[in-house]
């Protein structure tokens, strides 16, 4: 059974930081590309950051310079370090896994709430 379990969300003030973690089980983690998405109320889910099995990264423009995605294959974990948080970063954050070569993300976590107060 594939499981992606996010943690690390919470309430933080503008300018603060949080680190999200996503522990993955049931798949060969190192053979998967990983992504972080977010969904704010009334909005569509959007890609925040992604990291390939080869550790290449890409970021949405709205988080460049503030967020960093990383992975630890020994721990089957992907991280999202979020700095200089803004109220507009408030959303549920989801991690997702995609087998190398797949066009879409196959597996999703349940999400963790991030709330940034002004």
C-alpha atoms as a PDB file:
ATOM      1  CA  UNK A   1       0.000   0.000   0.000  1.00  0.00           C
ATOM      2  CA  UNK A   2       1.394   3.351  -1.058  1.00  0.00           C
ATOM      3  CA  UNK A   3       1.353   6.062   1.583  1.00  0.00           C
ATOM      4  CA  UNK A   4       2.499   9.666   1.519  1.00  0.00           C
ATOM      5  CA  UNK A   5       2.239  11.355   4.908  1.00  0.00           C
ATOM      6  CA  UNK A   6       2.830  15.088   5.199  1.00  0.00           C
ATOM      7  CA  UNK A   7       3.653  16.926   8.386  1.00  0.00           C
ATOM      8  CA  UNK A   8       5.006  20.271   9.517  1.00  0.00           C
ATOM      9  CA  UNK A   9       2.132  22.563   8.670  1.00  0.00           C
ATOM     10  CA  UNK A  10       0.748  25.081  11.107  1.00  0.00           C
ATOM     11  CA  UNK A  11       0.099  28.718  11.866  1.00  0.00           C
ATOM     12  CA  UNK A  12       2.909  31.212  11.353  1.00  0.00           C
ATOM     13  CA  UNK A  13       3.185  34.978  11.119  1.00  0.00           C
ATOM     14  CA  UNK A  14       4.115  36.846   7.957  1.00  0.00           C
ATOM     15  CA  UNK A  15       7.838  36.539   7.374  1.00  0.00           C
ATOM     16  CA  UNK A  16       8.111  33.313   9.319  1.00  0.00           C
ATOM     17  CA  UNK A  17       9.299  29.884   8.242  1.00  0.00           C
ATOM     18  CA  UNK A  18       8.022  26.328   8.202  1.00  0.00           C
ATOM     19  CA  UNK A  19       9.474  23.058   6.984  1.00  0.00           C
ATOM     20  CA  UNK A  20       7.121  20.492   5.546  1.00  0.00           C
ATOM     21  CA  UNK A  21       8.032  16.825   5.418  1.00  0.00           C
ATOM     22  CA  UNK A  22       6.516  13.988   3.436  1.00  0.00           C
ATOM     23  CA  UNK A  23       7.393  10.407   4.302  1.00  0.00           C
ATOM     24  CA  UNK A  24       6.739   7.919   1.544  1.00  0.00           C
ATOM     25  CA  UNK A  25       6.205   4.178   1.799  1.00  0.00           C
ATOM     26  CA  UNK A  26       5.081   1.405  -0.522  1.00  0.00           C
ATOM     27  CA  UNK A  27       7.085   2.554  -3.554  1.00  0.00           C
ATOM     28  CA  UNK A  28      10.765   2.704  -4.456  1.00  0.00           C
ATOM     29  CA  UNK A  29      11.261   6.295  -3.413  1.00  0.00           C
ATOM     30  CA  UNK A  30      14.501   6.901  -5.290  1.00  0.00           C
ATOM     31  CA  UNK A  31      12.802   5.885  -8.560  1.00  0.00           C
ATOM     32  CA  UNK A  32      10.182   8.602  -8.214  1.00  0.00           C
ATOM     33  CA  UNK A  33      10.070  12.294  -8.941  1.00  0.00           C
ATOM     34  CA  UNK A  34       8.432  14.237  -6.109  1.00  0.00           C
ATOM     35  CA  UNK A  35       6.361  17.376  -6.026  1.00  0.00           C
ATOM     36  CA  UNK A  36       4.705  19.755  -3.614  1.00  0.00           C
ATOM     37  CA  UNK A  37       1.360  21.244  -4.598  1.00  0.00           C
ATOM     38  CA  UNK A  38      -0.948  23.575  -2.771  1.00  0.00           C
ATOM     39  CA  UNK A  39      -4.625  24.471  -2.880  1.00  0.00           C
ATOM     40  CA  UNK A  40      -6.126  27.566  -1.354  1.00  0.00           C
ATOM     41  CA  UNK A  41      -9.882  27.886  -0.707  1.00  0.00           C
ATOM     42  CA  UNK A  42     -11.744  28.524  -3.931  1.00  0.00           C
ATOM     43  CA  UNK A  43      -8.646  28.046  -6.063  1.00  0.00           C
ATOM     44  CA  UNK A  44      -7.245  25.242  -8.175  1.00  0.00           C
ATOM     45  CA  UNK A  45      -4.424  23.061  -6.985  1.00  0.00           C
ATOM     46  CA  UNK A  46      -1.100  24.420  -8.209  1.00  0.00           C
ATOM     47  CA  UNK A  47       2.449  23.140  -8.380  1.00  0.00           C
ATOM     48  CA  UNK A  48       4.783  24.762  -5.867  1.00  0.00           C
ATOM     49  CA  UNK A  49       8.028  22.862  -6.402  1.00  0.00           C
ATOM     50  CA  UNK A  50       9.309  19.590  -7.787  1.00  0.00           C
ATOM     51  CA  UNK A  51      12.436  17.502  -7.533  1.00  0.00           C
ATOM     52  CA  UNK A  52      13.400  14.681  -9.845  1.00  0.00           C
ATOM     53  CA  UNK A  53      14.983  11.383  -8.918  1.00  0.00           C
ATOM     54  CA  UNK A  54      18.222  12.970 -10.089  1.00  0.00           C
ATOM     55  CA  UNK A  55      17.659  15.946  -7.763  1.00  0.00           C
ATOM     56  CA  UNK A  56      16.900  18.488 -10.463  1.00  0.00           C
ATOM     57  CA  UNK A  57      14.498  21.061  -9.083  1.00  0.00           C
ATOM     58  CA  UNK A  58      11.991  23.540 -10.398  1.00  0.00           C
ATOM     59  CA  UNK A  59       9.846  26.116  -8.664  1.00  0.00           C
ATOM     60  CA  UNK A  60       6.763  28.151  -9.328  1.00  0.00           C
ATOM     61  CA  UNK A  61       7.629  31.798  -9.870  1.00  0.00           C
ATOM     62  CA  UNK A  62       5.685  32.831  -6.794  1.00  0.00           C
ATOM     63  CA  UNK A  63       8.018  30.876  -4.459  1.00  0.00           C
ATOM     64  CA  UNK A  64      11.380  31.262  -6.155  1.00  0.00           C
ATOM     65  CA  UNK A  65      13.980  32.490  -3.711  1.00  0.00           C
ATOM     66  CA  UNK A  66      11.767  31.710  -0.715  1.00  0.00           C
ATOM     67  CA  UNK A  67      11.075  27.944  -0.821  1.00  0.00           C
ATOM     68  CA  UNK A  68      13.509  25.065  -1.199  1.00  0.00           C
ATOM     69  CA  UNK A  69      12.620  21.479  -2.053  1.00  0.00           C
ATOM     70  CA  UNK A  70      14.962  18.651  -1.115  1.00  0.00           C
ATOM     71  CA  UNK A  71      14.894  14.895  -0.672  1.00  0.00           C
ATOM     72  CA  UNK A  72      16.571  12.287   1.496  1.00  0.00           C
ATOM     73  CA  UNK A  73      16.435   8.943  -0.252  1.00  0.00           C
ATOM     74  CA  UNK A  74      17.760   7.138   2.816  1.00  0.00           C
ATOM     75  CA  UNK A  75      14.703   8.351   4.762  1.00  0.00           C
ATOM     76  CA  UNK A  76      12.175   8.141   1.905  1.00  0.00           C
ATOM     77  CA  UNK A  77      11.358  11.753   2.653  1.00  0.00           C
ATOM     78  CA  UNK A  78      10.883  14.928   0.657  1.00  0.00           C
ATOM     79  CA  UNK A  79      11.021  18.341   2.310  1.00  0.00           C
ATOM     80  CA  UNK A  80       9.784  21.816   1.545  1.00  0.00           C
ATOM     81  CA  UNK A  81      11.571  24.584   3.418  1.00  0.00           C
ATOM     82  CA  UNK A  82       9.397  27.680   3.325  1.00  0.00           C
ATOM     83  CA  UNK A  83      10.883  31.037   4.306  1.00  0.00           C
ATOM     84  CA  UNK A  84       9.578  34.606   4.158  1.00  0.00           C
ATOM     85  CA  UNK A  85       6.029  33.325   4.245  1.00  0.00           C
ATOM     86  CA  UNK A  86       3.215  35.578   3.070  1.00  0.00           C
ATOM     87  CA  UNK A  87      -0.535  35.456   3.771  1.00  0.00           C
ATOM     88  CA  UNK A  88      -1.077  34.386   0.159  1.00  0.00           C
ATOM     89  CA  UNK A  89       0.906  31.219   0.886  1.00  0.00           C
ATOM     90  CA  UNK A  90      -1.989  30.057   3.060  1.00  0.00           C
ATOM     91  CA  UNK A  91      -3.224  26.758   1.635  1.00  0.00           C
ATOM     92  CA  UNK A  92      -3.323  23.020   2.090  1.00  0.00           C
ATOM     93  CA  UNK A  93      -0.004  21.624   0.898  1.00  0.00           C
ATOM     94  CA  UNK A  94       0.168  18.197  -0.692  1.00  0.00           C
ATOM     95  CA  UNK A  95       3.106  16.049  -1.659  1.00  0.00           C
ATOM     96  CA  UNK A  96       2.918  13.822  -4.699  1.00  0.00           C
ATOM     97  CA  UNK A  97       4.986  11.076  -6.290  1.00  0.00           C
ATOM     98  CA  UNK A  98       5.477  10.310  -9.956  1.00  0.00           C
ATOM     99  CA  UNK A  99       7.332   7.373 -11.391  1.00  0.00           C
ATOM    100  CA  UNK A 100      10.224   8.470 -13.562  1.00  0.00           C
ATOM    101  CA  UNK A 101       8.905   8.852 -17.088  1.00  0.00           C
ATOM    102  CA  UNK A 102       5.274   9.216 -16.048  1.00  0.00           C
ATOM    103  CA  UNK A 103       3.426  12.287 -17.273  1.00  0.00           C
ATOM    104  CA  UNK A 104       1.326  12.720 -14.167  1.00  0.00           C
ATOM    105  CA  UNK A 105       1.649  12.315 -10.436  1.00  0.00           C
ATOM    106  CA  UNK A 106       0.381   8.897  -9.432  1.00  0.00           C
ATOM    107  CA  UNK A 107       0.249   9.130  -5.657  1.00  0.00           C
ATOM    108  CA  UNK A 108      -0.828  11.889  -3.293  1.00  0.00           C
ATOM    109  CA  UNK A 109      -0.723  12.614   0.404  1.00  0.00           C
ATOM    110  CA  UNK A 110      -3.640  13.821   2.488  1.00  0.00           C
ATOM    111  CA  UNK A 111      -2.319  17.353   2.812  1.00  0.00           C
ATOM    112  CA  UNK A 112      -1.156  19.606   5.626  1.00  0.00           C
ATOM    113  CA  UNK A 113      -2.595  23.032   6.377  1.00  0.00           C
ATOM    114  CA  UNK A 114      -0.341  26.080   6.288  1.00  0.00           C
ATOM    115  CA  UNK A 115      -1.803  29.341   7.557  1.00  0.00           C
ATOM    116  CA  UNK A 116       0.123  32.602   7.421  1.00  0.00           C
ATOM    117  CA  UNK A 117      -1.301  35.428   9.498  1.00  0.00           C
ATOM    118  CA  UNK A 118      -0.805  39.070   8.588  1.00  0.00           C
END
